[in-house]
Amino acid sequence: MRRLSGFITTPVILVMLAGGDVTAHHSFAAEFDANKPIQLTGTVTKMEWVNPHIWMHIKVKGPDGKVEAWAIEGAAPNAMFRRGVRKDSLPVGTAVIVDGFRAKNGRNVANGRQITYPNGLKLFMGSSGTGAPSDSQ
């Protein structure tokens, strides 16, 4: 039994010491401010269909004409798929309006709640159970 115990713990210790890039899943309140709703109008520049959340990258033209890059966190890829959103649903160049909540750190990052296409179609892109406002969808 002693030999088996060492056999099991050695790989666990090696994995812990490997020091790879680790990303933790977080609650809404850890990164985003429910008191800072934001609406962004822009065009999709990139979509990342990765776990635990998708990321939509958009370019937004500010009131001063300056273009800023924004990263919008959405639900898990599987949740988006169940809602009917596919990898080809948001191709690069698609005009969108994104409603969400701004990051607490002030960077151009937001937690997305809803995407609106130019034709008025609305898609819920948020994660449920995160503690975000209107989390009941």
N, C-alpha and C. Protein backbone atom coordinates (compact mmCIF):
# COMPACT_ATOMS: atom_id res chain seq x y z
N MET A 1 0.83 -1.20 0.00
CA MET A 1 0.00 0.00 0.00
C MET A 1 0.86 1.25 0.00
N ARG A 2 1.96 1.23 0.72
CA ARG A 2 2.85 2.38 0.80
C ARG A 2 3.36 2.73 -0.60
N ARG A 3 3.73 1.74 -1.37
CA ARG A 3 4.25 1.96 -2.72
C ARG A 3 3.18 2.58 -3.62
N LEU A 4 1.95 2.09 -3.52
CA LEU A 4 0.85 2.61 -4.32
C LEU A 4 0.57 4.07 -3.97
N SER A 5 0.63 4.41 -2.70
CA SER A 5 0.40 5.77 -2.26
C SER A 5 1.42 6.73 -2.88
N GLY A 6 2.68 6.37 -2.87
CA GLY A 6 3.70 7.20 -3.48
C GLY A 6 3.53 7.31 -4.98
N PHE A 7 3.08 6.21 -5.59
CA PHE A 7 2.85 6.18 -7.03
C PHE A 7 1.76 7.17 -7.44
N ILE A 8 0.74 7.31 -6.61
CA ILE A 8 -0.38 8.21 -6.92
C ILE A 8 -0.02 9.66 -6.63
N THR A 9 0.65 9.94 -5.54
CA THR A 9 0.92 11.33 -5.17
C THR A 9 2.02 11.97 -6.02
N THR A 10 2.95 11.20 -6.52
CA THR A 10 4.03 11.78 -7.33
C THR A 10 3.51 12.51 -8.56
N PRO A 11 2.61 11.92 -9.38
CA PRO A 11 2.09 12.66 -10.53
C PRO A 11 1.31 13.91 -10.13
N VAL A 12 0.58 13.83 -9.03
CA VAL A 12 -0.19 14.98 -8.57
C VAL A 12 0.76 16.12 -8.21
N ILE A 13 1.82 15.83 -7.51
CA ILE A 13 2.79 16.85 -7.13
C ILE A 13 3.47 17.43 -8.36
N LEU A 14 3.82 16.59 -9.31
CA LEU A 14 4.47 17.07 -10.54
C LEU A 14 3.56 18.02 -11.32
N VAL A 15 2.28 17.69 -11.38
CA VAL A 15 1.33 18.56 -12.08
C VAL A 15 1.23 19.91 -11.37
N MET A 16 1.21 19.88 -10.05
CA MET A 16 1.10 21.13 -9.28
C MET A 16 2.35 21.99 -9.45
N LEU A 17 3.50 21.36 -9.57
CA LEU A 17 4.74 22.11 -9.69
C LEU A 17 5.03 22.56 -11.12
N ALA A 18 4.29 22.01 -12.08
CA ALA A 18 4.54 22.33 -13.48
C ALA A 18 4.37 23.82 -13.75
N GLY A 19 3.47 24.47 -13.02
CA GLY A 19 3.35 25.92 -13.11
C GLY A 19 2.84 26.43 -14.45
N GLY A 20 2.04 25.64 -15.12
CA GLY A 20 1.47 26.09 -16.38
C GLY A 20 0.52 27.23 -16.18
N ASP A 21 0.06 27.77 -17.28
CA ASP A 21 -0.90 28.87 -17.24
C ASP A 21 -2.25 28.32 -16.81
N VAL A 22 -2.73 28.74 -15.65
CA VAL A 22 -3.98 28.24 -15.12
C VAL A 22 -4.97 29.39 -15.07
N THR A 23 -6.16 29.13 -15.60
CA THR A 23 -7.21 30.13 -15.50
C THR A 23 -8.33 29.55 -14.66
N ALA A 24 -8.81 30.33 -13.74
CA ALA A 24 -9.86 29.85 -12.84
C ALA A 24 -11.21 30.40 -13.29
N HIS A 25 -12.22 29.62 -13.07
CA HIS A 25 -13.57 30.09 -13.34
C HIS A 25 -13.94 31.04 -12.20
N HIS A 26 -14.66 32.06 -12.49
CA HIS A 26 -14.93 33.11 -11.51
C HIS A 26 -16.40 33.44 -11.48
N SER A 27 -16.81 34.11 -10.44
CA SER A 27 -18.18 34.60 -10.38
C SER A 27 -18.24 35.95 -11.09
N PHE A 28 -19.43 36.34 -11.46
CA PHE A 28 -19.63 37.63 -12.13
C PHE A 28 -19.05 38.75 -11.28
N ALA A 29 -19.38 38.76 -9.98
CA ALA A 29 -18.97 39.86 -9.08
C ALA A 29 -17.47 39.97 -8.90
N ALA A 30 -16.73 38.91 -9.19
CA ALA A 30 -15.28 38.97 -9.03
C ALA A 30 -14.63 39.90 -10.05
N GLU A 31 -15.21 40.00 -11.24
CA GLU A 31 -14.59 40.79 -12.31
C GLU A 31 -15.43 41.93 -12.86
N PHE A 32 -16.75 41.81 -12.76
CA PHE A 32 -17.62 42.78 -13.43
C PHE A 32 -18.47 43.54 -12.44
N ASP A 33 -18.86 44.75 -12.83
CA ASP A 33 -19.60 45.64 -11.94
C ASP A 33 -21.05 45.75 -12.39
N ALA A 34 -21.96 45.21 -11.59
CA ALA A 34 -23.39 45.24 -11.90
C ALA A 34 -23.92 46.67 -11.95
N ASN A 35 -23.21 47.62 -11.36
CA ASN A 35 -23.62 49.03 -11.36
C ASN A 35 -23.06 49.80 -12.54
N LYS A 36 -22.39 49.12 -13.46
CA LYS A 36 -21.83 49.77 -14.64
C LYS A 36 -22.29 49.08 -15.92
N PRO A 37 -23.60 49.19 -16.21
CA PRO A 37 -24.07 48.61 -17.47
C PRO A 37 -23.45 49.38 -18.64
N ILE A 38 -23.27 48.69 -19.73
CA ILE A 38 -22.65 49.30 -20.90
C ILE A 38 -23.33 48.79 -22.15
N GLN A 39 -23.44 49.65 -23.15
CA GLN A 39 -23.93 49.24 -24.46
C GLN A 39 -22.87 49.62 -25.48
N LEU A 40 -22.43 48.64 -26.24
CA LEU A 40 -21.37 48.83 -27.23
C LEU A 40 -21.91 48.53 -28.62
N THR A 41 -21.63 49.42 -29.56
CA THR A 41 -22.00 49.19 -30.95
C THR A 41 -20.71 49.06 -31.73
N GLY A 42 -20.56 47.95 -32.42
CA GLY A 42 -19.32 47.73 -33.16
C GLY A 42 -19.41 46.59 -34.14
N THR A 43 -18.24 46.14 -34.58
CA THR A 43 -18.18 45.01 -35.51
C THR A 43 -17.29 43.92 -34.93
N VAL A 44 -17.68 42.70 -35.19
CA VAL A 44 -16.94 41.54 -34.69
C VAL A 44 -15.60 41.45 -35.41
N THR A 45 -14.52 41.30 -34.63
CA THR A 45 -13.19 41.11 -35.21
C THR A 45 -12.67 39.70 -34.98
N LYS A 46 -13.22 39.02 -33.95
CA LYS A 46 -12.74 37.67 -33.64
C LYS A 46 -13.73 37.02 -32.67
N MET A 47 -13.90 35.71 -32.81
CA MET A 47 -14.68 34.93 -31.86
C MET A 47 -13.80 33.81 -31.33
N GLU A 48 -13.82 33.63 -30.02
CA GLU A 48 -13.08 32.54 -29.40
C GLU A 48 -14.09 31.60 -28.73
N TRP A 49 -14.21 30.42 -29.26
CA TRP A 49 -15.13 29.41 -28.73
C TRP A 49 -14.34 28.48 -27.80
N VAL A 50 -14.04 28.98 -26.61
CA VAL A 50 -13.22 28.25 -25.65
C VAL A 50 -13.98 28.11 -24.32
N ASN A 51 -13.65 27.10 -23.57
CA ASN A 51 -14.23 26.94 -22.24
C ASN A 51 -13.40 27.71 -21.23
N PRO A 52 -13.96 28.25 -20.17
CA PRO A 52 -15.33 28.08 -19.77
C PRO A 52 -16.29 29.10 -20.37
N HIS A 53 -15.81 30.11 -21.11
CA HIS A 53 -16.68 31.12 -21.71
C HIS A 53 -16.21 31.44 -23.12
N ILE A 54 -17.17 31.79 -23.98
CA ILE A 54 -16.77 32.29 -25.29
C ILE A 54 -16.30 33.73 -25.11
N TRP A 55 -15.51 34.21 -26.05
CA TRP A 55 -15.08 35.61 -26.06
C TRP A 55 -15.34 36.18 -27.44
N MET A 56 -16.08 37.28 -27.48
CA MET A 56 -16.31 38.00 -28.71
C MET A 56 -15.47 39.27 -28.65
N HIS A 57 -14.69 39.50 -29.68
CA HIS A 57 -13.87 40.70 -29.76
C HIS A 57 -14.50 41.62 -30.80
N ILE A 58 -14.69 42.88 -30.43
CA ILE A 58 -15.31 43.84 -31.35
C ILE A 58 -14.51 45.13 -31.37
N LYS A 59 -14.66 45.85 -32.48
CA LYS A 59 -14.11 47.21 -32.59
C LYS A 59 -15.27 48.17 -32.43
N VAL A 60 -15.07 49.15 -31.56
CA VAL A 60 -16.11 50.12 -31.24
C VAL A 60 -15.57 51.51 -31.51
N LYS A 61 -16.33 52.31 -32.27
CA LYS A 61 -15.94 53.68 -32.54
C LYS A 61 -16.54 54.57 -31.45
N GLY A 62 -15.68 55.27 -30.74
CA GLY A 62 -16.12 56.15 -29.67
C GLY A 62 -16.66 57.46 -30.20
N PRO A 63 -17.22 58.30 -29.33
CA PRO A 63 -17.78 59.59 -29.73
C PRO A 63 -16.73 60.50 -30.37
N ASP A 64 -15.46 60.29 -30.00
CA ASP A 64 -14.38 61.11 -30.56
C ASP A 64 -13.87 60.55 -31.89
N GLY A 65 -14.46 59.44 -32.36
CA GLY A 65 -14.04 58.83 -33.61
C GLY A 65 -12.94 57.81 -33.46
N LYS A 66 -12.38 57.74 -32.27
CA LYS A 66 -11.30 56.78 -32.02
C LYS A 66 -11.88 55.36 -31.92
N VAL A 67 -11.22 54.39 -32.57
CA VAL A 67 -11.69 53.01 -32.54
C VAL A 67 -10.97 52.27 -31.41
N GLU A 68 -11.76 51.59 -30.58
CA GLU A 68 -11.22 50.83 -29.46
C GLU A 68 -11.58 49.36 -29.62
N ALA A 69 -10.68 48.49 -29.18
CA ALA A 69 -10.94 47.06 -29.17
C ALA A 69 -11.56 46.67 -27.83
N TRP A 70 -12.59 45.87 -27.86
CA TRP A 70 -13.26 45.39 -26.67
C TRP A 70 -13.33 43.86 -26.70
N ALA A 71 -13.23 43.24 -25.53
CA ALA A 71 -13.41 41.80 -25.38
C ALA A 71 -14.66 41.58 -24.54
N ILE A 72 -15.58 40.77 -25.05
CA ILE A 72 -16.85 40.53 -24.39
C ILE A 72 -16.94 39.06 -24.00
N GLU A 73 -17.09 38.80 -22.71
CA GLU A 73 -17.24 37.43 -22.23
C GLU A 73 -18.69 37.00 -22.35
N GLY A 74 -18.90 35.78 -22.81
CA GLY A 74 -20.24 35.23 -22.92
C GLY A 74 -20.36 33.93 -22.14
N ALA A 75 -21.40 33.20 -22.45
CA ALA A 75 -21.65 31.91 -21.80
C ALA A 75 -20.67 30.86 -22.31
N ALA A 76 -20.80 29.66 -21.80
CA ALA A 76 -19.98 28.54 -22.26
C ALA A 76 -20.37 28.19 -23.70
N PRO A 77 -19.43 27.67 -24.49
CA PRO A 77 -19.76 27.29 -25.86
C PRO A 77 -20.97 26.37 -25.96
N ASN A 78 -21.09 25.41 -25.06
CA ASN A 78 -22.23 24.50 -25.10
C ASN A 78 -23.55 25.23 -24.85
N ALA A 79 -23.56 26.17 -23.94
CA ALA A 79 -24.78 26.95 -23.68
C ALA A 79 -25.16 27.77 -24.91
N MET A 80 -24.17 28.36 -25.56
CA MET A 80 -24.44 29.14 -26.77
C MET A 80 -25.00 28.23 -27.88
N PHE A 81 -24.43 27.07 -28.01
CA PHE A 81 -24.88 26.10 -29.01
C PHE A 81 -26.33 25.71 -28.76
N ARG A 82 -26.69 25.47 -27.48
CA ARG A 82 -28.07 25.10 -27.15
C ARG A 82 -29.04 26.23 -27.43
N ARG A 83 -28.57 27.46 -27.43
CA ARG A 83 -29.42 28.62 -27.75
C ARG A 83 -29.52 28.85 -29.25
N GLY A 84 -28.82 28.05 -30.03
CA GLY A 84 -28.88 28.18 -31.48
C GLY A 84 -27.76 28.99 -32.09
N VAL A 85 -26.80 29.40 -31.28
CA VAL A 85 -25.67 30.18 -31.79
C VAL A 85 -24.58 29.21 -32.21
N ARG A 86 -24.14 29.32 -33.45
CA ARG A 86 -23.11 28.45 -34.00
C ARG A 86 -21.86 29.26 -34.27
N LYS A 87 -20.77 28.59 -34.57
CA LYS A 87 -19.51 29.29 -34.84
C LYS A 87 -19.63 30.25 -36.01
N ASP A 88 -20.54 29.96 -36.94
CA ASP A 88 -20.70 30.86 -38.08
C ASP A 88 -21.79 31.91 -37.87
N SER A 89 -22.37 31.98 -36.68
CA SER A 89 -23.43 32.95 -36.39
C SER A 89 -22.91 34.37 -36.22
N LEU A 90 -21.65 34.52 -35.88
CA LEU A 90 -21.06 35.84 -35.64
C LEU A 90 -19.74 35.96 -36.41
N PRO A 91 -19.81 35.95 -37.75
CA PRO A 91 -18.56 36.05 -38.51
C PRO A 91 -17.90 37.42 -38.37
N VAL A 92 -16.60 37.45 -38.62
CA VAL A 92 -15.86 38.70 -38.60
C VAL A 92 -16.55 39.70 -39.53
N GLY A 93 -16.70 40.93 -39.05
CA GLY A 93 -17.36 41.97 -39.83
C GLY A 93 -18.82 42.17 -39.50
N THR A 94 -19.42 41.27 -38.71
CA THR A 94 -20.82 41.40 -38.34
C THR A 94 -21.01 42.61 -37.43
N ALA A 95 -21.97 43.45 -37.78
CA ALA A 95 -22.31 44.59 -36.93
C ALA A 95 -23.18 44.10 -35.77
N VAL A 96 -22.87 44.52 -34.56
CA VAL A 96 -23.61 44.08 -33.38
C VAL A 96 -23.75 45.23 -32.39
N ILE A 97 -24.77 45.10 -31.57
CA ILE A 97 -24.92 45.94 -30.38
C ILE A 97 -24.85 44.96 -29.21
N VAL A 98 -23.97 45.21 -28.27
CA VAL A 98 -23.81 44.33 -27.12
C VAL A 98 -24.19 45.09 -25.86
N ASP A 99 -25.13 44.51 -25.11
CA ASP A 99 -25.48 45.04 -23.79
C ASP A 99 -24.81 44.15 -22.75
N GLY A 100 -24.20 44.77 -21.77
CA GLY A 100 -23.52 43.99 -20.75
C GLY A 100 -23.08 44.85 -19.59
N PHE A 101 -22.03 44.40 -18.92
CA PHE A 101 -21.54 45.09 -17.73
C PHE A 101 -20.02 45.20 -17.80
N ARG A 102 -19.55 46.37 -17.49
CA ARG A 102 -18.12 46.69 -17.61
C ARG A 102 -17.27 45.99 -16.55
N ALA A 103 -16.03 45.72 -16.90
CA ALA A 103 -15.07 45.12 -15.97
C ALA A 103 -14.75 46.12 -14.86
N LYS A 104 -14.53 45.61 -13.67
CA LYS A 104 -14.20 46.45 -12.52
C LYS A 104 -12.86 47.15 -12.69
N ASN A 105 -11.92 46.51 -13.41
CA ASN A 105 -10.58 47.08 -13.52
C ASN A 105 -10.47 48.20 -14.56
N GLY A 106 -11.58 48.54 -15.23
CA GLY A 106 -11.59 49.66 -16.16
C GLY A 106 -11.08 49.33 -17.56
N ARG A 107 -10.58 48.13 -17.77
CA ARG A 107 -10.12 47.74 -19.10
C ARG A 107 -11.31 47.61 -20.04
N ASN A 108 -11.05 47.52 -21.33
CA ASN A 108 -12.12 47.38 -22.32
C ASN A 108 -12.57 45.93 -22.40
N VAL A 109 -13.13 45.48 -21.29
CA VAL A 109 -13.65 44.12 -21.15
C VAL A 109 -15.03 44.23 -20.53
N ALA A 110 -15.95 43.39 -21.01
CA ALA A 110 -17.30 43.40 -20.47
C ALA A 110 -17.85 41.99 -20.40
N ASN A 111 -18.83 41.81 -19.56
CA ASN A 111 -19.59 40.57 -19.50
C ASN A 111 -20.85 40.83 -20.33
N GLY A 112 -21.00 40.11 -21.42
CA GLY A 112 -22.13 40.34 -22.31
C GLY A 112 -23.41 39.69 -21.81
N ARG A 113 -24.51 40.38 -21.98
CA ARG A 113 -25.83 39.85 -21.64
C ARG A 113 -26.62 39.55 -22.90
N GLN A 114 -26.57 40.48 -23.86
CA GLN A 114 -27.39 40.33 -25.05
C GLN A 114 -26.68 40.90 -26.26
N ILE A 115 -26.83 40.21 -27.38
CA ILE A 115 -26.32 40.69 -28.67
C ILE A 115 -27.53 41.05 -29.51
N THR A 116 -27.48 42.19 -30.18
CA THR A 116 -28.54 42.57 -31.10
C THR A 116 -27.93 42.77 -32.48
N TYR A 117 -28.48 42.05 -33.46
CA TYR A 117 -28.06 42.19 -34.86
C TYR A 117 -28.73 43.41 -35.48
N PRO A 118 -28.22 43.91 -36.61
CA PRO A 118 -28.84 45.06 -37.27
C PRO A 118 -30.31 44.84 -37.64
N ASN A 119 -30.71 43.58 -37.89
CA ASN A 119 -32.10 43.31 -38.24
C ASN A 119 -33.01 43.21 -37.03
N GLY A 120 -32.47 43.43 -35.82
CA GLY A 120 -33.27 43.43 -34.60
C GLY A 120 -33.26 42.10 -33.85
N LEU A 121 -32.73 41.04 -34.45
CA LEU A 121 -32.65 39.75 -33.77
C LEU A 121 -31.80 39.90 -32.51
N LYS A 122 -32.31 39.39 -31.39
CA LYS A 122 -31.60 39.48 -30.12
C LYS A 122 -31.23 38.08 -29.64
N LEU A 123 -30.00 37.94 -29.16
CA LEU A 123 -29.52 36.67 -28.62
C LEU A 123 -29.01 36.88 -27.21
N PHE A 124 -29.43 36.03 -26.29
CA PHE A 124 -28.92 36.07 -24.92
C PHE A 124 -27.56 35.40 -24.93
N MET A 125 -26.51 36.11 -24.53
CA MET A 125 -25.17 35.53 -24.55
C MET A 125 -24.59 35.35 -23.16
N GLY A 126 -25.34 35.71 -22.13
CA GLY A 126 -24.82 35.64 -20.77
C GLY A 126 -24.83 34.25 -20.19
N SER A 127 -24.11 34.10 -19.10
CA SER A 127 -24.08 32.85 -18.36
C SER A 127 -25.14 32.91 -17.27
N SER A 128 -25.81 31.82 -17.00
CA SER A 128 -26.78 31.81 -15.92
C SER A 128 -26.10 31.30 -14.65
N GLY A 129 -26.64 31.72 -13.52
CA GLY A 129 -26.10 31.26 -12.25
C GLY A 129 -24.80 31.91 -11.82
N THR A 130 -24.47 33.07 -12.41
CA THR A 130 -23.20 33.72 -12.08
C THR A 130 -23.37 34.84 -11.06
N GLY A 131 -24.60 35.25 -10.82
CA GLY A 131 -24.84 36.38 -9.93
C GLY A 131 -24.97 37.69 -10.67
N ALA A 132 -24.93 37.65 -12.00
CA ALA A 132 -25.08 38.85 -12.81
C ALA A 132 -26.53 39.32 -12.77
N PRO A 133 -26.77 40.62 -12.95
CA PRO A 133 -28.15 41.12 -13.01
C PRO A 133 -28.90 40.42 -14.15
N SER A 134 -30.19 40.23 -13.96
CA SER A 134 -31.06 39.56 -14.95
C SER A 134 -30.54 38.16 -15.26
N ASP A 135 -30.12 37.48 -14.26
CA ASP A 135 -29.48 36.16 -14.41
C ASP A 135 -30.49 35.03 -14.56
N SER A 136 -31.76 35.36 -14.61
CA SER A 136 -32.79 34.32 -14.61
C SER A 136 -33.09 33.75 -15.98
N GLN A 137 -32.40 34.19 -17.02
CA GLN A 137 -32.70 33.71 -18.37
C GLN A 137 -32.07 32.38 -18.63
